[in-house]
C-alpha atoms as a PDB file:
ATOM      1  CA  MET A   1      -4.602 -16.872 -15.497  1.00  0.00           C
ATOM      2  CA  SER A   2      -4.783 -20.608 -14.906  1.00  0.00           C
ATOM      3  CA  ASP A   3      -4.631 -22.770 -18.018  1.00  0.00           C
ATOM      4  CA  LYS A   4      -6.941 -25.374 -16.535  1.00  0.00           C
ATOM      5  CA  VAL A   5     -10.325 -26.184 -17.972  1.00  0.00           C
ATOM      6  CA  ILE A   6     -12.843 -26.654 -15.156  1.00  0.00           C
ATOM      7  CA  LEU A   7     -16.117 -28.536 -15.546  1.00  0.00           C
ATOM      8  CA  TYR A   8     -18.707 -27.679 -12.935  1.00  0.00           C
ATOM      9  CA  ASP A   9     -20.758 -30.830 -12.403  1.00  0.00           C
ATOM     10  CA  LEU A  10     -23.512 -31.746  -9.947  1.00  0.00           C
ATOM     11  CA  ALA A  11     -22.286 -32.936  -6.547  1.00  0.00           C
ATOM     12  CA  ASN A  12     -23.416 -36.394  -5.448  1.00  0.00           C
ATOM     13  CA  ARG A  13     -22.595 -39.262  -3.105  1.00  0.00           C
ATOM     14  CA  GLN A  14     -20.280 -41.090  -5.519  1.00  0.00           C
ATOM     15  CA  ALA A  15     -18.476 -38.004  -6.875  1.00  0.00           C
ATOM     16  CA  THR A  16     -19.011 -39.349 -10.388  1.00  0.00           C
ATOM     17  CA  SER A  17     -21.082 -37.812 -13.138  1.00  0.00           C
ATOM     18  CA  TRP A  18     -24.705 -38.972 -13.306  1.00  0.00           C
ATOM     19  CA  SER A  19     -26.953 -36.293 -14.818  1.00  0.00           C
ATOM     20  CA  PRO A  20     -27.554 -36.197 -18.605  1.00  0.00           C
ATOM     21  CA  ASN A  21     -26.770 -32.529 -19.194  1.00  0.00           C
ATOM     22  CA  PRO A  22     -23.327 -32.519 -17.531  1.00  0.00           C
ATOM     23  CA  TRP A  23     -22.622 -35.807 -19.303  1.00  0.00           C
ATOM     24  CA  LYS A  24     -23.120 -34.105 -22.681  1.00  0.00           C
ATOM     25  CA  THR A  25     -20.271 -31.732 -21.909  1.00  0.00           C
ATOM     26  CA  ARG A  26     -18.108 -34.331 -20.179  1.00  0.00           C
ATOM     27  CA  LEU A  27     -18.429 -36.607 -23.202  1.00  0.00           C
ATOM     28  CA  ALA A  28     -17.469 -33.749 -25.510  1.00  0.00           C
ATOM     29  CA  LEU A  29     -14.395 -32.919 -23.410  1.00  0.00           C
ATOM     30  CA  ASN A  30     -13.363 -36.562 -23.289  1.00  0.00           C
ATOM     31  CA  PHE A  31     -13.982 -36.998 -27.011  1.00  0.00           C
ATOM     32  CA  LYS A  32     -11.734 -34.053 -27.820  1.00  0.00           C
ATOM     33  CA  GLY A  33      -9.081 -35.179 -25.348  1.00  0.00           C
ATOM     34  CA  VAL A  34      -9.201 -31.909 -23.413  1.00  0.00           C
ATOM     35  CA  GLU A  35      -7.523 -32.041 -20.014  1.00  0.00           C
ATOM     36  CA  TYR A  36      -9.873 -30.740 -17.347  1.00  0.00           C
ATOM     37  CA  THR A  37     -10.684 -30.916 -13.688  1.00  0.00           C
ATOM     38  CA  THR A  38     -14.113 -31.352 -12.160  1.00  0.00           C
ATOM     39  CA  GLU A  39     -15.517 -29.087  -9.497  1.00  0.00           C
ATOM     40  CA  TRP A  40     -18.591 -30.525  -7.825  1.00  0.00           C
ATOM     41  CA  VAL A  41     -21.332 -28.033  -6.987  1.00  0.00           C
ATOM     42  CA  GLU A  42     -24.396 -28.684  -4.838  1.00  0.00           C
ATOM     43  CA  TYR A  43     -27.719 -27.717  -6.436  1.00  0.00           C
ATOM     44  CA  PRO A  44     -28.467 -24.771  -4.108  1.00  0.00           C
ATOM     45  CA  ASP A  45     -24.937 -23.411  -4.660  1.00  0.00           C
ATOM     46  CA  LEU A  46     -25.184 -23.179  -8.459  1.00  0.00           C
ATOM     47  CA  ALA A  47     -26.840 -19.757  -8.612  1.00  0.00           C
ATOM     48  CA  PRO A  48     -24.746 -17.942  -5.972  1.00  0.00           C
ATOM     49  CA  LYS A  49     -21.497 -19.452  -7.262  1.00  0.00           C
ATOM     50  CA  PHE A  50     -22.093 -18.610 -10.902  1.00  0.00           C
ATOM     51  CA  LYS A  51     -23.466 -15.154 -10.113  1.00  0.00           C
ATOM     52  CA  ALA A  52     -20.246 -14.460  -8.198  1.00  0.00           C
ATOM     53  CA  CYS A  53     -18.281 -15.513 -11.286  1.00  0.00           C
ATOM     54  CA  GLY A  54     -20.177 -12.937 -13.337  1.00  0.00           C
ATOM     55  CA  ILE A  55     -21.919 -15.518 -15.520  1.00  0.00           C
ATOM     56  CA  PRO A  56     -25.135 -14.247 -17.143  1.00  0.00           C
ATOM     57  CA  CYS A  57     -28.180 -16.365 -16.402  1.00  0.00           C
ATOM     58  CA  ASN A  58     -29.532 -18.809 -18.951  1.00  0.00           C
ATOM     59  CA  ASP A  59     -31.763 -17.640 -21.778  1.00  0.00           C
ATOM     60  CA  PRO A  60     -35.432 -16.923 -20.989  1.00  0.00           C
ATOM     61  CA  GLY A  61     -37.467 -20.109 -20.919  1.00  0.00           C
ATOM     62  CA  ALA A  62     -34.576 -22.278 -19.716  1.00  0.00           C
ATOM     63  CA  PHE A  63     -35.274 -24.865 -17.023  1.00  0.00           C
ATOM     64  CA  ALA A  64     -33.243 -22.854 -14.491  1.00  0.00           C
ATOM     65  CA  ASP A  65     -31.492 -19.500 -14.406  1.00  0.00           C
ATOM     66  CA  TYR A  66     -28.175 -21.126 -13.453  1.00  0.00           C
ATOM     67  CA  SER A  67     -27.255 -24.705 -14.215  1.00  0.00           C
ATOM     68  CA  SER A  68     -24.683 -27.412 -14.692  1.00  0.00           C
ATOM     69  CA  PRO A  69     -22.826 -27.985 -16.924  1.00  0.00           C
ATOM     70  CA  THR A  70     -20.765 -24.839 -16.859  1.00  0.00           C
ATOM     71  CA  VAL A  71     -17.173 -24.707 -18.062  1.00  0.00           C
ATOM     72  CA  ARG A  72     -14.353 -22.322 -17.252  1.00  0.00           C
ATOM     73  CA  PHE A  73     -11.959 -22.044 -20.193  1.00  0.00           C
ATOM     74  CA  PRO A  74      -8.209 -21.337 -19.949  1.00  0.00           C
ATOM     75  CA  ASP A  75      -8.690 -17.659 -20.833  1.00  0.00           C
ATOM     76  CA  GLY A  76     -10.920 -17.224 -17.785  1.00  0.00           C
ATOM     77  CA  THR A  77     -14.222 -17.116 -19.655  1.00  0.00           C
ATOM     78  CA  TYR A  78     -17.205 -19.112 -18.422  1.00  0.00           C
ATOM     79  CA  VAL A  79     -19.808 -20.775 -20.634  1.00  0.00           C
ATOM     80  CA  MET A  80     -23.020 -22.262 -19.236  1.00  0.00           C
ATOM     81  CA  ASP A  81     -25.395 -24.660 -21.044  1.00  0.00           C
ATOM     82  CA  SER A  82     -24.233 -27.796 -22.855  1.00  0.00           C
ATOM     83  CA  ALA A  83     -25.133 -26.589 -26.361  1.00  0.00           C
ATOM     84  CA  LYS A  84     -23.258 -23.310 -25.939  1.00  0.00           C
ATOM     85  CA  ILE A  85     -20.307 -25.158 -24.430  1.00  0.00           C
ATOM     86  CA  ALA A  86     -20.195 -27.497 -27.442  1.00  0.00           C
ATOM     87  CA  THR A  87     -19.968 -24.498 -29.784  1.00  0.00           C
ATOM     88  CA  LYS A  88     -17.173 -22.970 -27.716  1.00  0.00           C
ATOM     89  CA  LEU A  89     -15.293 -26.275 -27.532  1.00  0.00           C
ATOM     90  CA  GLU A  90     -15.449 -26.586 -31.306  1.00  0.00           C
ATOM     91  CA  GLU A  91     -13.935 -23.119 -31.632  1.00  0.00           C
ATOM     92  CA  VAL A  92     -11.141 -23.607 -29.099  1.00  0.00           C
ATOM     93  CA  TYR A  93     -10.410 -27.289 -29.775  1.00  0.00           C
ATOM     94  CA  PRO A  94     -11.493 -27.901 -33.392  1.00  0.00           C
ATOM     95  CA  GLU A  95     -10.132 -31.441 -33.686  1.00  0.00           C
ATOM     96  CA  PRO A  96     -11.568 -33.982 -33.508  1.00  0.00           C
ATOM     97  CA  SER A  97     -14.684 -32.275 -34.748  1.00  0.00           C
ATOM     98  CA  LEU A  98     -18.090 -32.609 -33.136  1.00  0.00           C
ATOM     99  CA  HIS A  99     -19.623 -32.075 -36.596  1.00  0.00           C
ATOM    100  CA  LEU A 100     -22.115 -29.584 -35.229  1.00  0.00           C
ATOM    101  CA  ASP A 101     -23.146 -28.429 -38.709  1.00  0.00           C
ATOM    102  CA  SER A 102     -23.557 -31.847 -40.314  1.00  0.00           C
ATOM    103  CA  SER A 103     -25.323 -33.845 -37.605  1.00  0.00           C
ATOM    104  CA  PRO A 104     -28.850 -33.349 -36.214  1.00  0.00           C
ATOM    105  CA  SER A 105     -27.757 -32.263 -32.741  1.00  0.00           C
ATOM    106  CA  ASP A 106     -30.766 -29.982 -32.234  1.00  0.00           C
ATOM    107  CA  GLU A 107     -33.121 -32.854 -33.027  1.00  0.00           C
ATOM    108  CA  ALA A 108     -31.144 -35.216 -30.806  1.00  0.00           C
ATOM    109  CA  GLY A 109     -31.331 -32.691 -27.982  1.00  0.00           C
ATOM    110  CA  GLU A 110     -35.095 -32.363 -28.332  1.00  0.00           C
ATOM    111  CA  LEU A 111     -35.548 -36.145 -28.348  1.00  0.00           C
ATOM    112  CA  VAL A 112     -33.412 -36.548 -25.231  1.00  0.00           C
ATOM    113  CA  ASN A 113     -35.325 -33.781 -23.449  1.00  0.00           C
ATOM    114  CA  ASN A 114     -38.529 -35.672 -24.232  1.00  0.00           C
ATOM    115  CA  LEU A 115     -37.032 -38.911 -22.904  1.00  0.00           C
ATOM    116  CA  VAL A 116     -36.011 -37.145 -19.712  1.00  0.00           C
ATOM    117  CA  MET A 117     -39.571 -35.940 -19.207  1.00  0.00           C
ATOM    118  CA  ALA A 118     -40.973 -39.415 -19.922  1.00  0.00           C
ATOM    119  CA  LEU A 119     -38.623 -41.653 -17.950  1.00  0.00           C
ATOM    120  CA  LEU A 120     -36.972 -39.666 -15.178  1.00  0.00           C
ATOM    121  CA  PRO A 121     -40.107 -38.843 -13.147  1.00  0.00           C
ATOM    122  CA  GLY A 122     -40.330 -42.541 -12.277  1.00  0.00           C
ATOM    123  CA  VAL A 123     -36.825 -42.610 -10.813  1.00  0.00           C
ATOM    124  CA  MET A 124     -36.754 -39.220  -9.086  1.00  0.00           C
ATOM    125  CA  PRO A 125     -37.304 -40.675  -5.593  1.00  0.00           C
ATOM    126  CA  GLY A 126     -34.208 -42.823  -6.143  1.00  0.00           C
ATOM    127  CA  ILE A 127     -32.195 -39.816  -7.277  1.00  0.00           C
ATOM    128  CA  VAL A 128     -32.963 -38.182  -3.934  1.00  0.00           C
ATOM    129  CA  THR A 129     -32.251 -41.218  -1.761  1.00  0.00           C
ATOM    130  CA  ASP A 130     -29.423 -42.931  -3.654  1.00  0.00           C
ATOM    131  CA  ILE A 131     -27.597 -40.331  -5.762  1.00  0.00           C
ATOM    132  CA  LEU A 132     -27.731 -36.926  -4.114  1.00  0.00           C
ATOM    133  CA  GLN A 133     -26.401 -35.835  -0.753  1.00  0.00           C
ATOM    134  CA  GLU A 134     -27.406 -32.922   1.424  1.00  0.00           C
ATOM    135  CA  PRO A 135     -28.104 -30.128   0.802  1.00  0.00           C
ATOM    136  CA  SER A 136     -28.820 -31.121  -2.805  1.00  0.00           C
ATOM    137  CA  ALA A 137     -31.191 -33.971  -1.909  1.00  0.00           C
ATOM    138  CA  SER A 138     -33.645 -31.761  -0.036  1.00  0.00           C
ATOM    139  CA  TRP A 139     -33.295 -28.940  -2.561  1.00  0.00           C
ATOM    140  CA  PHE A 140     -33.951 -31.261  -5.512  1.00  0.00           C
ATOM    141  CA  ALA A 141     -37.002 -32.837  -3.871  1.00  0.00           C
ATOM    142  CA  GLU A 142     -38.527 -29.466  -3.006  1.00  0.00           C
ATOM    143  CA  ASP A 143     -37.782 -27.992  -6.436  1.00  0.00           C
ATOM    144  CA  ARG A 144     -39.222 -30.916  -8.409  1.00  0.00           C
ATOM    145  CA  GLU A 145     -42.261 -31.188  -6.137  1.00  0.00           C
ATOM    146  CA  ARG A 146     -42.927 -27.509  -6.775  1.00  0.00           C
ATOM    147  CA  ARG A 147     -42.513 -27.902 -10.524  1.00  0.00           C
ATOM    148  CA  PHE A 148     -44.700 -31.004 -10.814  1.00  0.00           C
ATOM    149  CA  GLY A 149     -47.187 -30.030  -8.136  1.00  0.00           C
ATOM    150  CA  MET A 150     -46.918 -33.271  -6.145  1.00  0.00           C
ATOM    151  CA  LYS A 151     -44.622 -35.342  -3.949  1.00  0.00           C
ATOM    152  CA  LEU A 152     -42.003 -37.331  -5.813  1.00  0.00           C
ATOM    153  CA  ASP A 153     -43.434 -40.677  -4.692  1.00  0.00           C
ATOM    154  CA  GLU A 154     -46.809 -39.638  -6.066  1.00  0.00           C
ATOM    155  CA  LEU A 155     -45.178 -38.443  -9.287  1.00  0.00           C
ATOM    156  CA  ALA A 156     -43.397 -41.775  -9.684  1.00  0.00           C
ATOM    157  CA  GLN A 157     -46.691 -43.644  -9.230  1.00  0.00           C
ATOM    158  CA  LYS A 158     -48.557 -41.447 -11.714  1.00  0.00           C
ATOM    159  CA  ALA A 159     -45.901 -40.904 -14.393  1.00  0.00           C
ATOM    160  CA  GLY A 160     -43.404 -43.714 -13.833  1.00  0.00           C
ATOM    161  CA  GLY A 161     -43.455 -47.394 -14.697  1.00  0.00           C
ATOM    162  CA  GLU A 162     -45.463 -48.432 -17.743  1.00  0.00           C
ATOM    163  CA  VAL A 163     -46.934 -44.945 -18.128  1.00  0.00           C
ATOM    164  CA  GLY A 164     -43.467 -43.505 -18.529  1.00  0.00           C
ATOM    165  CA  TRP A 165     -42.462 -46.179 -21.022  1.00  0.00           C
ATOM    166  CA  GLN A 166     -45.633 -45.640 -23.041  1.00  0.00           C
ATOM    167  CA  ASN A 167     -44.787 -41.939 -23.218  1.00  0.00           C
ATOM    168  CA  ALA A 168     -41.208 -42.737 -24.170  1.00  0.00           C
ATOM    169  CA  GLU A 169     -41.968 -45.280 -26.905  1.00  0.00           C
ATOM    170  CA  PRO A 170     -42.711 -42.841 -29.774  1.00  0.00           C
ATOM    171  CA  VAL A 171     -39.583 -40.883 -28.869  1.00  0.00           C
ATOM    172  CA  LEU A 172     -37.469 -44.034 -28.767  1.00  0.00           C
ATOM    173  CA  LYS A 173     -38.743 -44.953 -32.223  1.00  0.00           C
ATOM    174  CA  LYS A 174     -37.462 -41.602 -33.510  1.00  0.00           C
ATOM    175  CA  VAL A 175     -34.073 -42.215 -31.905  1.00  0.00           C
ATOM    176  CA  LYS A 176     -34.019 -45.627 -33.594  1.00  0.00           C
ATOM    177  CA  VAL A 177     -34.727 -44.026 -36.971  1.00  0.00           C
ATOM    178  CA  MET A 178     -31.964 -41.486 -36.367  1.00  0.00           C
ATOM    179  CA  LEU A 179     -29.488 -44.288 -35.690  1.00  0.00           C
ATOM    180  CA  GLN A 180     -30.563 -46.487 -38.586  1.00  0.00           C
ATOM    181  CA  GLU A 181     -31.558 -44.326 -41.541  1.00  0.00           C
ATOM    182  CA  GLY A 182     -29.793 -41.832 -43.789  1.00  0.00           C
ATOM    183  CA  LYS A 183     -26.289 -42.873 -42.758  1.00  0.00           C
ATOM    184  CA  LYS A 184     -23.274 -42.918 -45.061  1.00  0.00           C
ATOM    185  CA  ASP A 185     -22.301 -46.417 -43.901  1.00  0.00           C
ATOM    186  CA  ASP A 186     -23.165 -49.086 -41.337  1.00  0.00           C
ATOM    187  CA  GLY A 187     -21.221 -47.588 -38.422  1.00  0.00           C
ATOM    188  CA  PRO A 188     -22.877 -47.294 -35.001  1.00  0.00           C
ATOM    189  CA  PHE A 189     -23.121 -43.501 -34.978  1.00  0.00           C
ATOM    190  CA  VAL A 190     -25.778 -41.142 -36.308  1.00  0.00           C
ATOM    191  CA  LEU A 191     -23.506 -40.332 -39.258  1.00  0.00           C
ATOM    192  CA  GLY A 192     -22.336 -43.929 -39.659  1.00  0.00           C
ATOM    193  CA  SER A 193     -18.694 -44.491 -38.785  1.00  0.00           C
ATOM    194  CA  THR A 194     -18.142 -40.818 -37.850  1.00  0.00           C
ATOM    195  CA  PRO A 195     -18.999 -39.805 -34.264  1.00  0.00           C
ATOM    196  CA  SER A 196     -20.646 -36.442 -33.723  1.00  0.00           C
ATOM    197  CA  TYR A 197     -22.176 -34.350 -30.973  1.00  0.00           C
ATOM    198  CA  SER A 198     -25.575 -35.904 -31.743  1.00  0.00           C
ATOM    199  CA  ASP A 199     -24.234 -39.256 -30.542  1.00  0.00           C
ATOM    200  CA  LEU A 200     -22.890 -37.731 -27.349  1.00  0.00           C
ATOM    201  CA  ILE A 201     -26.252 -36.141 -26.567  1.00  0.00           C
ATOM    202  CA  ILE A 202     -28.027 -39.486 -26.918  1.00  0.00           C
ATOM    203  CA  VAL A 203     -25.398 -41.434 -24.998  1.00  0.00           C
ATOM    204  CA  ALA A 204     -25.486 -38.866 -22.189  1.00  0.00           C
ATOM    205  CA  PHE A 205     -29.048 -39.991 -21.515  1.00  0.00           C
ATOM    206  CA  PHE A 206     -28.163 -43.671 -21.877  1.00  0.00           C
ATOM    207  CA  GLU A 207     -25.371 -43.273 -19.335  1.00  0.00           C
ATOM    208  CA  CYS A 208     -27.583 -41.330 -16.947  1.00  0.00           C
ATOM    209  CA  LEU A 209     -30.131 -44.139 -16.901  1.00  0.00           C
ATOM    210  CA  HIS A 210     -27.334 -46.698 -16.563  1.00  0.00           C
ATOM    211  CA  ARG A 211     -26.204 -44.979 -13.371  1.00  0.00           C
ATOM    212  CA  ILE A 212     -29.528 -44.256 -11.708  1.00  0.00           C
ATOM    213  CA  SER A 213     -31.748 -47.208 -12.705  1.00  0.00           C
ATOM    214  CA  MET A 214     -30.185 -50.396 -14.060  1.00  0.00           C
ATOM    215  CA  ASP A 215     -33.583 -52.019 -14.670  1.00  0.00           C
ATOM    216  CA  ASP A 216     -34.704 -49.102 -16.843  1.00  0.00           C
ATOM    217  CA  TYR A 217     -31.341 -48.986 -18.580  1.00  0.00           C
ATOM    218  CA  GLU A 218     -31.503 -52.679 -19.499  1.00  0.00           C
ATOM    219  CA  ARG A 219     -35.040 -52.220 -20.817  1.00  0.00           C
ATOM    220  CA  LEU A 220     -33.832 -49.256 -22.857  1.00  0.00           C
ATOM    221  CA  MET A 221     -31.010 -51.302 -24.361  1.00  0.00           C
ATOM    222  CA  ARG A 222     -33.479 -54.035 -25.344  1.00  0.00           C
ATOM    223  CA  PHE A 223     -35.567 -51.571 -27.336  1.00  0.00           C
ATOM    224  CA  ASP A 224     -33.215 -51.769 -30.298  1.00  0.00           C
ATOM    225  CA  LEU A 225     -29.773 -53.218 -30.997  1.00  0.00           C
ATOM    226  CA  SER A 226     -28.595 -49.853 -32.313  1.00  0.00           C
ATOM    227  CA  PHE A 227     -28.884 -48.379 -28.802  1.00  0.00           C
ATOM    228  CA  LYS A 228     -26.444 -50.867 -27.320  1.00  0.00           C
ATOM    229  CA  ALA A 229     -24.110 -50.519 -30.306  1.00  0.00           C
ATOM    230  CA  LEU A 230     -23.976 -46.743 -29.873  1.00  0.00           C
ATOM    231  CA  HIS A 231     -23.404 -46.923 -26.124  1.00  0.00           C
ATOM    232  CA  GLU A 232     -20.608 -49.456 -26.589  1.00  0.00           C
ATOM    233  CA  ALA A 233     -18.979 -47.350 -29.309  1.00  0.00           C
ATOM    234  CA  CYS A 234     -18.892 -44.333 -27.000  1.00  0.00           C
ATOM    235  CA  LYS A 235     -17.383 -46.172 -24.022  1.00  0.00           C
ATOM    236  CA  PRO A 236     -13.893 -44.639 -24.441  1.00  0.00           C
ATOM    237  CA  TRP A 237     -15.398 -41.203 -23.769  1.00  0.00           C
ATOM    238  CA  LEU A 238     -17.279 -42.426 -20.689  1.00  0.00           C
ATOM    239  CA  GLU A 239     -14.201 -43.565 -18.785  1.00  0.00           C
ATOM    240  CA  LYS A 240     -13.374 -40.205 -17.175  1.00  0.00           C
ATOM    241  CA  ASP A 241     -16.407 -39.592 -14.994  1.00  0.00           C
ATOM    242  CA  ASN A 242     -15.014 -37.468 -12.189  1.00  0.00           C
END
């Protein structure tokens, strides 16, 4: 059995990570110093590929039955879904710790999901034209149009721009509170000077926006100084992006 760890990430024009969910796992791997290779998978190939590997589908109610990130561990086991992967990584590679039990990673995950729903509809047309390649570009457009019940350009007009930022503002205020209150010291992380998986979840979204919409990213960074401080503090774990 190969001893390589494989991260299955979403294929794109630049062959660098861009989507927030794969970034959560990539950040965790980089943080722990785990050696891994990336295998890029087109959106329509996720389900057939992972079914062929014998991976059970995601839990009921998940966004999709099969998804990225998925990781193949050295013992040949596969784990799909960033939260489940984080738990497995903590078991197999316990140091440095992700502090899953002492940081509010579930809350951070919920906040980031809400930010995705608020801010990404406005940039979805750009994801199709500038980030993805075929066959993923067409698949993504058709899938999101089906889910939202409208063309992506129409979605961006209705839910993007100032509407999206208005929807995001109460969520961003909660992220600000998470980064500023209840910490042991003045460090940039949720726990102060100790990084945890909660930080990686938040920064995964920051980095996604940085890569797909610089204007939105810069506006996000202006919301509060703690956002920029966190992103800067996590830069060492953002270097390996492919």
